[in-house]
Amino acid sequence: MSVQAVNEAKYEELIGSGATVLLDFYADWCGPCRMLSPVIEQIADEHPEIVVGKVNVDEENALAMRFGIVSIPFVALIKNGEVVARSLGYRQKDELLSVLGL
C-alpha cells in the first residue's frame, strides 16, 4: 500500500474509520526525516493492514501541535483513535518495527 499525505481532514477521516494508522511527522528540510522516508515506504509495502501516512509539520502545524511534536522525525502508531506506540528520531527499519510492536 502506498504512503498517503495526511492533513487534518484526512487524519479525522482515518481515525473515524477505525483503521490502524502509522503517521510519520516530517519536514522536507529535515535530513533524518529524508533518511527515514524509505523505511516508512517499506513498512507501508510490507504491512497492507496498516494505513501509512506522512504529515508535513510545516504545512500541518495544527495537527503537529495536537500530537505535541517538538522534534522530528516522529512516528506514531494509532489504534482505535489512541496512540499506542511512538518513535522519535531516525531508526533503522528493524528497530522501528520493534519499538512500534509490528
PDB file of N, CA and C in Angstrom:
ATOM      1  N   MET A   1       0.849  -1.180   0.000  1.00  0.00           N
ATOM      2  CA  MET A   1       0.000   0.000   0.000  1.00  0.00           C
ATOM      3  C   MET A   1       0.890   1.238   0.000  1.00  0.00           C
ATOM      4  N   SER A   2       0.437   2.277  -0.641  1.00  0.00           N
ATOM      5  CA  SER A   2       1.255   3.476  -0.741  1.00  0.00           C
ATOM      6  C   SER A   2       1.099   4.356   0.498  1.00  0.00           C
ATOM      7  N   VAL A   3       2.059   5.244   0.652  1.00  0.00           N
ATOM      8  CA  VAL A   3       2.049   6.205   1.744  1.00  0.00           C
ATOM      9  C   VAL A   3       1.190   7.394   1.321  1.00  0.00           C
ATOM     10  N   GLN A   4       0.290   7.812   2.204  1.00  0.00           N
ATOM     11  CA  GLN A   4      -0.625   8.915   1.901  1.00  0.00           C
ATOM     12  C   GLN A   4      -0.171  10.202   2.574  1.00  0.00           C
ATOM     13  N   ALA A   5      -0.374  11.314   1.889  1.00  0.00           N
ATOM     14  CA  ALA A   5      -0.189  12.615   2.525  1.00  0.00           C
ATOM     15  C   ALA A   5      -1.392  12.829   3.431  1.00  0.00           C
ATOM     16  N   VAL A   6      -1.133  13.254   4.655  1.00  0.00           N
ATOM     17  CA  VAL A   6      -2.217  13.412   5.624  1.00  0.00           C
ATOM     18  C   VAL A   6      -2.270  14.864   6.105  1.00  0.00           C
ATOM     19  N   ASN A   7      -3.452  15.445   5.957  1.00  0.00           N
ATOM     20  CA  ASN A   7      -3.725  16.749   6.538  1.00  0.00           C
ATOM     21  C   ASN A   7      -4.729  16.531   7.673  1.00  0.00           C
ATOM     22  N   GLU A   8      -5.199  17.619   8.273  1.00  0.00           N
ATOM     23  CA  GLU A   8      -6.083  17.457   9.429  1.00  0.00           C
ATOM     24  C   GLU A   8      -7.396  16.762   9.059  1.00  0.00           C
ATOM     25  N   ALA A   9      -7.970  17.120   7.904  1.00  0.00           N
ATOM     26  CA  ALA A   9      -9.227  16.484   7.478  1.00  0.00           C
ATOM     27  C   ALA A   9      -9.027  15.003   7.199  1.00  0.00           C
ATOM     28  N   LYS A  10      -7.937  14.651   6.533  1.00  0.00           N
ATOM     29  CA  LYS A  10      -7.642  13.249   6.231  1.00  0.00           C
ATOM     30  C   LYS A  10      -7.402  12.471   7.529  1.00  0.00           C
ATOM     31  N   TYR A  11      -6.727  13.096   8.484  1.00  0.00           N
ATOM     32  CA  TYR A  11      -6.487  12.462   9.779  1.00  0.00           C
ATOM     33  C   TYR A  11      -7.818  12.105  10.449  1.00  0.00           C
ATOM     34  N   GLU A  12      -8.745  13.061  10.465  1.00  0.00           N
ATOM     35  CA  GLU A  12     -10.049  12.807  11.083  1.00  0.00           C
ATOM     36  C   GLU A  12     -10.770  11.666  10.378  1.00  0.00           C
ATOM     37  N   GLU A  13     -10.665  11.621   9.062  1.00  0.00           N
ATOM     38  CA  GLU A  13     -11.291  10.548   8.280  1.00  0.00           C
ATOM     39  C   GLU A  13     -10.680   9.191   8.636  1.00  0.00           C
ATOM     40  N   LEU A  14      -9.356   9.131   8.723  1.00  0.00           N
ATOM     41  CA  LEU A  14      -8.672   7.873   9.037  1.00  0.00           C
ATOM     42  C   LEU A  14      -9.027   7.388  10.439  1.00  0.00           C
ATOM     43  N   ILE A  15      -9.002   8.296  11.403  1.00  0.00           N
ATOM     44  CA  ILE A  15      -9.306   7.921  12.780  1.00  0.00           C
ATOM     45  C   ILE A  15     -10.764   7.483  12.895  1.00  0.00           C
ATOM     46  N   GLY A  16     -11.641   8.182  12.185  1.00  0.00           N
ATOM     47  CA  GLY A  16     -13.052   7.830  12.200  1.00  0.00           C
ATOM     48  C   GLY A  16     -13.349   6.474  11.587  1.00  0.00           C
ATOM     49  N   SER A  17     -12.466   6.024  10.693  1.00  0.00           N
ATOM     50  CA  SER A  17     -12.672   4.737  10.025  1.00  0.00           C
ATOM     51  C   SER A  17     -12.318   3.552  10.923  1.00  0.00           C
ATOM     52  N   GLY A  18     -11.610   3.817  12.027  1.00  0.00           N
ATOM     53  CA  GLY A  18     -11.193   2.742  12.924  1.00  0.00           C
ATOM     54  C   GLY A  18      -9.953   1.999  12.452  1.00  0.00           C
ATOM     55  N   ALA A  19      -9.323   2.503  11.383  1.00  0.00           N
ATOM     56  CA  ALA A  19      -8.123   1.859  10.841  1.00  0.00           C
ATOM     57  C   ALA A  19      -6.942   2.006  11.798  1.00  0.00           C
ATOM     58  N   THR A  20      -6.021   1.050  11.720  1.00  0.00           N
ATOM     59  CA  THR A  20      -4.734   1.207  12.382  1.00  0.00           C
ATOM     60  C   THR A  20      -3.902   2.106  11.482  1.00  0.00           C
ATOM     61  N   VAL A  21      -3.362   3.180  12.055  1.00  0.00           N
ATOM     62  CA  VAL A  21      -2.697   4.215  11.275  1.00  0.00           C
ATOM     63  C   VAL A  21      -1.286   4.429  11.800  1.00  0.00           C
ATOM     64  N   LEU A  22      -0.333   4.498  10.885  1.00  0.00           N
ATOM     65  CA  LEU A  22       1.046   4.845  11.202  1.00  0.00           C
ATOM     66  C   LEU A  22       1.302   6.206  10.577  1.00  0.00           C
ATOM     67  N   LEU A  23       1.615   7.204  11.403  1.00  0.00           N
ATOM     68  CA  LEU A  23       1.880   8.544  10.895  1.00  0.00           C
ATOM     69  C   LEU A  23       3.342   8.899  11.088  1.00  0.00           C
ATOM     70  N   ASP A  24       3.934   9.414  10.029  1.00  0.00           N
ATOM     71  CA  ASP A  24       5.308   9.910  10.035  1.00  0.00           C
ATOM     72  C   ASP A  24       5.242  11.428   9.946  1.00  0.00           C
ATOM     73  N   PHE A  25       5.605  12.114  11.026  1.00  0.00           N
ATOM     74  CA  PHE A  25       5.663  13.568  11.037  1.00  0.00           C
ATOM     75  C   PHE A  25       7.057  13.977  10.585  1.00  0.00           C
ATOM     76  N   TYR A  26       7.138  14.820   9.555  1.00  0.00           N
ATOM     77  CA  TYR A  26       8.414  15.135   8.919  1.00  0.00           C
ATOM     78  C   TYR A  26       8.404  16.567   8.392  1.00  0.00           C
ATOM     79  N   ALA A  27       9.574  16.993   7.898  1.00  0.00           N
ATOM     80  CA  ALA A  27       9.702  18.240   7.141  1.00  0.00           C
ATOM     81  C   ALA A  27      10.679  17.979   5.999  1.00  0.00           C
ATOM     82  N   ASP A  28      10.461  18.667   4.890  1.00  0.00           N
ATOM     83  CA  ASP A  28      11.313  18.467   3.720  1.00  0.00           C
ATOM     84  C   ASP A  28      12.773  18.814   3.995  1.00  0.00           C
ATOM     85  N   TRP A  29      13.033  19.760   4.860  1.00  0.00           N
ATOM     86  CA  TRP A  29      14.390  20.222   5.145  1.00  0.00           C
ATOM     87  C   TRP A  29      15.133  19.341   6.156  1.00  0.00           C
ATOM     88  N   CYS A  30      14.452  18.369   6.736  1.00  0.00           N
ATOM     89  CA  CYS A  30      14.998  17.535   7.823  1.00  0.00           C
ATOM     90  C   CYS A  30      15.760  16.332   7.261  1.00  0.00           C
ATOM     91  N   GLY A  31      17.076  16.301   7.481  1.00  0.00           N
ATOM     92  CA  GLY A  31      17.906  15.199   6.994  1.00  0.00           C
ATOM     93  C   GLY A  31      17.481  13.833   7.535  1.00  0.00           C
ATOM     94  N   PRO A  32      17.334  13.683   8.855  1.00  0.00           N
ATOM     95  CA  PRO A  32      16.896  12.389   9.381  1.00  0.00           C
ATOM     96  C   PRO A  32      15.527  11.970   8.843  1.00  0.00           C
ATOM     97  N   CYS A  33      14.654  12.947   8.580  1.00  0.00           N
ATOM     98  CA  CYS A  33      13.337  12.636   8.008  1.00  0.00           C
ATOM     99  C   CYS A  33      13.501  12.045   6.613  1.00  0.00           C
ATOM    100  N   ARG A  34      14.397  12.620   5.819  1.00  0.00           N
ATOM    101  CA  ARG A  34      14.637  12.095   4.470  1.00  0.00           C
ATOM    102  C   ARG A  34      15.238  10.689   4.536  1.00  0.00           C
ATOM    103  N   MET A  35      16.067  10.434   5.538  1.00  0.00           N
ATOM    104  CA  MET A  35      16.637   9.093   5.711  1.00  0.00           C
ATOM    105  C   MET A  35      15.560   8.085   6.103  1.00  0.00           C
ATOM    106  N   LEU A  36      14.567   8.521   6.885  1.00  0.00           N
ATOM    107  CA  LEU A  36      13.524   7.632   7.367  1.00  0.00           C
ATOM    108  C   LEU A  36      12.471   7.341   6.298  1.00  0.00           C
ATOM    109  N   SER A  37      12.330   8.218   5.333  1.00  0.00           N
ATOM    110  CA  SER A  37      11.274   8.094   4.327  1.00  0.00           C
ATOM    111  C   SER A  37      11.244   6.735   3.620  1.00  0.00           C
ATOM    112  N   PRO A  38      12.388   6.208   3.141  1.00  0.00           N
ATOM    113  CA  PRO A  38      12.334   4.882   2.503  1.00  0.00           C
ATOM    114  C   PRO A  38      11.930   3.765   3.464  1.00  0.00           C
ATOM    115  N   VAL A  39      12.268   3.906   4.729  1.00  0.00           N
ATOM    116  CA  VAL A  39      11.879   2.924   5.743  1.00  0.00           C
ATOM    117  C   VAL A  39      10.354   2.933   5.898  1.00  0.00           C
ATOM    118  N   ILE A  40       9.773   4.122   5.945  1.00  0.00           N
ATOM    119  CA  ILE A  40       8.318   4.259   6.067  1.00  0.00           C
ATOM    120  C   ILE A  40       7.640   3.640   4.842  1.00  0.00           C
ATOM    121  N   GLU A  41       8.197   3.873   3.664  1.00  0.00           N
ATOM    122  CA  GLU A  41       7.636   3.294   2.438  1.00  0.00           C
ATOM    123  C   GLU A  41       7.704   1.769   2.465  1.00  0.00           C
ATOM    124  N   GLN A  42       8.809   1.210   2.963  1.00  0.00           N
ATOM    125  CA  GLN A  42       8.935  -0.246   3.072  1.00  0.00           C
ATOM    126  C   GLN A  42       7.894  -0.807   4.036  1.00  0.00           C
ATOM    127  N   ILE A  43       7.696  -0.136   5.150  1.00  0.00           N
ATOM    128  CA  ILE A  43       6.698  -0.592   6.120  1.00  0.00           C
ATOM    129  C   ILE A  43       5.315  -0.574   5.485  1.00  0.00           C
ATOM    130  N   ALA A  44       5.012   0.475   4.724  1.00  0.00           N
ATOM    131  CA  ALA A  44       3.711   0.564   4.047  1.00  0.00           C
ATOM    132  C   ALA A  44       3.527  -0.608   3.088  1.00  0.00           C
ATOM    133  N   ASP A  45       4.580  -0.960   2.351  1.00  0.00           N
ATOM    134  CA  ASP A  45       4.507  -2.076   1.403  1.00  0.00           C
ATOM    135  C   ASP A  45       4.352  -3.423   2.109  1.00  0.00           C
ATOM    136  N   GLU A  46       5.030  -3.578   3.243  1.00  0.00           N
ATOM    137  CA  GLU A  46       5.057  -4.860   3.942  1.00  0.00           C
ATOM    138  C   GLU A  46       3.880  -5.057   4.897  1.00  0.00           C
ATOM    139  N   HIS A  47       3.165  -3.984   5.225  1.00  0.00           N
ATOM    140  CA  HIS A  47       2.046  -4.067   6.176  1.00  0.00           C
ATOM    141  C   HIS A  47       0.806  -3.421   5.578  1.00  0.00           C
ATOM    142  N   PRO A  48       0.173  -4.101   4.612  1.00  0.00           N
ATOM    143  CA  PRO A  48      -1.010  -3.520   3.967  1.00  0.00           C
ATOM    144  C   PRO A  48      -2.202  -3.361   4.912  1.00  0.00           C
ATOM    145  N   GLU A  49      -2.146  -4.004   6.069  1.00  0.00           N
ATOM    146  CA  GLU A  49      -3.236  -3.873   7.044  1.00  0.00           C
ATOM    147  C   GLU A  49      -3.187  -2.542   7.790  1.00  0.00           C
ATOM    148  N   ILE A  50      -2.101  -1.795   7.615  1.00  0.00           N
ATOM    149  CA  ILE A  50      -1.925  -0.507   8.290  1.00  0.00           C
ATOM    150  C   ILE A  50      -2.001   0.608   7.257  1.00  0.00           C
ATOM    151  N   VAL A  51      -2.734   1.668   7.579  1.00  0.00           N
ATOM    152  CA  VAL A  51      -2.739   2.858   6.737  1.00  0.00           C
ATOM    153  C   VAL A  51      -1.530   3.694   7.147  1.00  0.00           C
ATOM    154  N   VAL A  52      -0.650   3.963   6.196  1.00  0.00           N
ATOM    155  CA  VAL A  52       0.572   4.712   6.485  1.00  0.00           C
ATOM    156  C   VAL A  52       0.455   6.099   5.855  1.00  0.00           C
ATOM    157  N   GLY A  53       0.693   7.105   6.683  1.00  0.00           N
ATOM    158  CA  GLY A  53       0.596   8.476   6.202  1.00  0.00           C
ATOM    159  C   GLY A  53       1.774   9.318   6.650  1.00  0.00           C
ATOM    160  N   LYS A  54       2.000  10.394   5.899  1.00  0.00           N
ATOM    161  CA  LYS A  54       3.053  11.348   6.221  1.00  0.00           C
ATOM    162  C   LYS A  54       2.407  12.702   6.471  1.00  0.00           C
ATOM    163  N   VAL A  55       2.847  13.351   7.542  1.00  0.00           N
ATOM    164  CA  VAL A  55       2.341  14.665   7.905  1.00  0.00           C
ATOM    165  C   VAL A  55       3.502  15.653   7.836  1.00  0.00           C
ATOM    166  N   ASN A  56       3.408  16.611   6.919  1.00  0.00           N
ATOM    167  CA  ASN A  56       4.425  17.652   6.801  1.00  0.00           C
ATOM    168  C   ASN A  56       4.141  18.682   7.895  1.00  0.00           C
ATOM    169  N   VAL A  57       5.034  18.771   8.884  1.00  0.00           N
ATOM    170  CA  VAL A  57       4.784  19.635  10.036  1.00  0.00           C
ATOM    171  C   VAL A  57       4.793  21.114   9.665  1.00  0.00           C
ATOM    172  N   ASP A  58       5.473  21.473   8.576  1.00  0.00           N
ATOM    173  CA  ASP A  58       5.475  22.872   8.139  1.00  0.00           C
ATOM    174  C   ASP A  58       4.128  23.262   7.532  1.00  0.00           C
ATOM    175  N   GLU A  59       3.449  22.310   6.909  1.00  0.00           N
ATOM    176  CA  GLU A  59       2.160  22.583   6.272  1.00  0.00           C
ATOM    177  C   GLU A  59       0.981  22.268   7.187  1.00  0.00           C
ATOM    178  N   GLU A  60       1.159  21.364   8.119  1.00  0.00           N
ATOM    179  CA  GLU A  60       0.075  20.914   9.011  1.00  0.00           C
ATOM    180  C   GLU A  60       0.449  21.174  10.470  1.00  0.00           C
ATOM    181  N   ASN A  61       0.712  22.449  10.752  1.00  0.00           N
ATOM    182  CA  ASN A  61       1.165  22.839  12.085  1.00  0.00           C
ATOM    183  C   ASN A  61       0.141  22.493  13.163  1.00  0.00           C
ATOM    184  N   ALA A  62      -1.145  22.681  12.890  1.00  0.00           N
ATOM    185  CA  ALA A  62      -2.172  22.399  13.898  1.00  0.00           C
ATOM    186  C   ALA A  62      -2.200  20.918  14.257  1.00  0.00           C
ATOM    187  N   LEU A  63      -2.051  20.054  13.262  1.00  0.00           N
ATOM    188  CA  LEU A  63      -2.042  18.616  13.523  1.00  0.00           C
ATOM    189  C   LEU A  63      -0.790  18.230  14.308  1.00  0.00           C
ATOM    190  N   ALA A  64       0.340  18.818  13.948  1.00  0.00           N
ATOM    191  CA  ALA A  64       1.580  18.550  14.689  1.00  0.00           C
ATOM    192  C   ALA A  64       1.428  18.995  16.141  1.00  0.00           C
ATOM    193  N   MET A  65       0.774  20.117  16.356  1.00  0.00           N
ATOM    194  CA  MET A  65       0.569  20.608  17.719  1.00  0.00           C
ATOM    195  C   MET A  65      -0.348  19.671  18.512  1.00  0.00           C
ATOM    196  N   ARG A  66      -1.333  19.067  17.854  1.00  0.00           N
ATOM    197  CA  ARG A  66      -2.226  18.111  18.543  1.00  0.00           C
ATOM    198  C   ARG A  66      -1.440  16.935  19.103  1.00  0.00           C
ATOM    199  N   PHE A  67      -0.368  16.572  18.396  1.00  0.00           N
ATOM    200  CA  PHE A  67       0.470  15.455  18.845  1.00  0.00           C
ATOM    201  C   PHE A  67       1.625  15.917  19.730  1.00  0.00           C
ATOM    202  N   GLY A  68       1.745  17.208  19.957  1.00  0.00           N
ATOM    203  CA  GLY A  68       2.815  17.733  20.798  1.00  0.00           C
ATOM    204  C   GLY A  68       4.187  17.579  20.176  1.00  0.00           C
ATOM    205  N   ILE A  69       4.257  17.651  18.858  1.00  0.00           N
ATOM    206  CA  ILE A  69       5.525  17.447  18.158  1.00  0.00           C
ATOM    207  C   ILE A  69       6.466  18.614  18.437  1.00  0.00           C
ATOM    208  N   VAL A  70       7.637  18.313  18.983  1.00  0.00           N
ATOM    209  CA  VAL A  70       8.668  19.325  19.193  1.00  0.00           C
ATOM    210  C   VAL A  70       9.961  18.955  18.484  1.00  0.00           C
ATOM    211  N   SER A  71      10.039  17.729  17.997  1.00  0.00           N
ATOM    212  CA  SER A  71      11.217  17.253  17.290  1.00  0.00           C
ATOM    213  C   SER A  71      10.774  16.225  16.262  1.00  0.00           C
ATOM    214  N   ILE A  72      11.481  16.183  15.140  1.00  0.00           N
ATOM    215  CA  ILE A  72      11.147  15.251  14.059  1.00  0.00           C
ATOM    216  C   ILE A  72      12.405  14.541  13.601  1.00  0.00           C
ATOM    217  N   PRO A  73      12.282  13.395  12.957  1.00  0.00           N
ATOM    218  CA  PRO A  73      11.054  12.687  12.635  1.00  0.00           C
ATOM    219  C   PRO A  73      10.406  12.077  13.881  1.00  0.00           C
ATOM    220  N   PHE A  74       9.079  12.069  13.852  1.00  0.00           N
ATOM    221  CA  PHE A  74       8.267  11.490  14.926  1.00  0.00           C
ATOM    222  C   PHE A  74       7.275  10.552  14.262  1.00  0.00           C
ATOM    223  N   VAL A  75       7.242   9.312  14.714  1.00  0.00           N
ATOM    224  CA  VAL A  75       6.339   8.313  14.144  1.00  0.00           C
ATOM    225  C   VAL A  75       5.381   7.854  15.240  1.00  0.00           C
ATOM    226  N   ALA A  76       4.097   7.831  14.903  1.00  0.00           N
ATOM    227  CA  ALA A  76       3.076   7.399  15.867  1.00  0.00           C
ATOM    228  C   ALA A  76       2.248   6.275  15.270  1.00  0.00           C
ATOM    229  N   LEU A  77       1.996   5.239  16.057  1.00  0.00           N
ATOM    230  CA  LEU A  77       1.098   4.153  15.676  1.00  0.00           C
ATOM    231  C   LEU A  77      -0.197   4.355  16.446  1.00  0.00           C
ATOM    232  N   ILE A  78      -1.313   4.432  15.711  1.00  0.00           N
ATOM    233  CA  ILE A  78      -2.601   4.753  16.299  1.00  0.00           C
ATOM    234  C   ILE A  78      -3.578   3.607  16.046  1.00  0.00           C
ATOM    235  N   LYS A  79      -4.166   3.110  17.125  1.00  0.00           N
ATOM    236  CA  LYS A  79      -5.198   2.067  17.033  1.00  0.00           C
ATOM    237  C   LYS A  79      -6.421   2.553  17.785  1.00  0.00           C
ATOM    238  N   ASN A  80      -7.581   2.409  17.172  1.00  0.00           N
ATOM    239  CA  ASN A  80      -8.840   2.838  17.795  1.00  0.00           C
ATOM    240  C   ASN A  80      -8.771   4.277  18.291  1.00  0.00           C
ATOM    241  N   GLY A  81      -8.093   5.122  17.521  1.00  0.00           N
ATOM    242  CA  GLY A  81      -8.008   6.537  17.849  1.00  0.00           C
ATOM    243  C   GLY A  81      -7.014   6.901  18.930  1.00  0.00           C
ATOM    244  N   GLU A  82      -6.275   5.922  19.457  1.00  0.00           N
ATOM    245  CA  GLU A  82      -5.316   6.169  20.538  1.00  0.00           C
ATOM    246  C   GLU A  82      -3.894   5.873  20.074  1.00  0.00           C
ATOM    247  N   VAL A  83      -2.954   6.726  20.450  1.00  0.00           N
ATOM    248  CA  VAL A  83      -1.547   6.474  20.158  1.00  0.00           C
ATOM    249  C   VAL A  83      -1.082   5.336  21.062  1.00  0.00           C
ATOM    250  N   VAL A  84      -0.666   4.224  20.440  1.00  0.00           N
ATOM    251  CA  VAL A  84      -0.242   3.056  21.217  1.00  0.00           C
ATOM    252  C   VAL A  84       1.269   2.866  21.218  1.00  0.00           C
ATOM    253  N   ALA A  85       1.959   3.542  20.293  1.00  0.00           N
ATOM    254  CA  ALA A  85       3.419   3.463  20.244  1.00  0.00           C
ATOM    255  C   ALA A  85       3.932   4.695  19.506  1.00  0.00           C
ATOM    256  N   ARG A  86       5.150   5.077  19.856  1.00  0.00           N
ATOM    257  CA  ARG A  86       5.750   6.239  19.202  1.00  0.00           C
ATOM    258  C   ARG A  86       7.262   6.078  19.125  1.00  0.00           C
ATOM    259  N   SER A  87       7.829   6.766  18.167  1.00  0.00           N
ATOM    260  CA  SER A  87       9.271   6.723  17.970  1.00  0.00           C
ATOM    261  C   SER A  87       9.738   8.121  17.581  1.00  0.00           C
ATOM    262  N   LEU A  88      10.823   8.563  18.174  1.00  0.00           N
ATOM    263  CA  LEU A  88      11.382   9.878  17.882  1.00  0.00           C
ATOM    264  C   LEU A  88      12.774   9.712  17.290  1.00  0.00           C
ATOM    265  N   GLY A  89      13.034  10.400  16.187  1.00  0.00           N
ATOM    266  CA  GLY A  89      14.343  10.350  15.540  1.00  0.00           C
ATOM    267  C   GLY A  89      14.424   9.220  14.529  1.00  0.00           C
ATOM    268  N   TYR A  90      15.553   9.191  13.826  1.00  0.00           N
ATOM    269  CA  TYR A  90      15.755   8.149  12.816  1.00  0.00           C
ATOM    270  C   TYR A  90      16.046   6.819  13.495  1.00  0.00           C
ATOM    271  N   ARG A  91      15.457   5.766  12.974  1.00  0.00           N
ATOM    272  CA  ARG A  91      15.743   4.391  13.401  1.00  0.00           C
ATOM    273  C   ARG A  91      15.775   3.512  12.155  1.00  0.00           C
ATOM    274  N   GLN A  92      16.617   2.502  12.188  1.00  0.00           N
ATOM    275  CA  GLN A  92      16.608   1.530  11.106  1.00  0.00           C
ATOM    276  C   GLN A  92      15.299   0.752  11.179  1.00  0.00           C
ATOM    277  N   LYS A  93      14.919   0.135  10.066  1.00  0.00           N
ATOM    278  CA  LYS A  93      13.611  -0.495   9.958  1.00  0.00           C
ATOM    279  C   LYS A  93      13.357  -1.522  11.061  1.00  0.00           C
ATOM    280  N   ASP A  94      14.262  -2.432  11.311  1.00  0.00           N
ATOM    281  CA  ASP A  94      14.044  -3.472  12.325  1.00  0.00           C
ATOM    282  C   ASP A  94      13.824  -2.861  13.704  1.00  0.00           C
ATOM    283  N   GLU A  95      14.601  -1.850  14.034  1.00  0.00           N
ATOM    284  CA  GLU A  95      14.467  -1.194  15.333  1.00  0.00           C
ATOM    285  C   GLU A  95      13.133  -0.453  15.417  1.00  0.00           C
ATOM    286  N   LEU A  96      12.754   0.237  14.341  1.00  0.00           N
ATOM    287  CA  LEU A  96      11.482   0.957  14.329  1.00  0.00           C
ATOM    288  C   LEU A  96      10.311  -0.007  14.484  1.00  0.00           C
ATOM    289  N   LEU A  97      10.343  -1.113  13.756  1.00  0.00           N
ATOM    290  CA  LEU A  97       9.275  -2.113  13.866  1.00  0.00           C
ATOM    291  C   LEU A  97       9.179  -2.651  15.289  1.00  0.00           C
ATOM    292  N   SER A  98      10.320  -2.874  15.921  1.00  0.00           N
ATOM    293  CA  SER A  98      10.337  -3.382  17.286  1.00  0.00           C
ATOM    294  C   SER A  98       9.743  -2.358  18.256  1.00  0.00           C
ATOM    295  N   VAL A  99      10.143  -1.104  18.132  1.00  0.00           N
ATOM    296  CA  VAL A  99       9.632  -0.048  19.003  1.00  0.00           C
ATOM    297  C   VAL A  99       8.116   0.100  18.848  1.00  0.00           C
ATOM    298  N   LEU A 100       7.644  -0.044  17.607  1.00  0.00           N
ATOM    299  CA  LEU A 100       6.220   0.105  17.329  1.00  0.00           C
ATOM    300  C   LEU A 100       5.415  -1.161  17.606  1.00  0.00           C
ATOM    301  N   GLY A 101       6.104  -2.266  17.872  1.00  0.00           N
ATOM    302  CA  GLY A 101       5.416  -3.525  18.145  1.00  0.00           C
ATOM    303  C   GLY A 101       4.823  -4.169  16.899  1.00  0.00           C
ATOM    304  N   LEU A 102       5.455  -3.945  15.761  1.00  0.00           N
ATOM    305  CA  LEU A 102       4.960  -4.521  14.491  1.00  0.00           C
ATOM    306  C   LEU A 102       5.790  -5.721  14.081  1.00  0.00           C
TER     307      LEU A 102
END
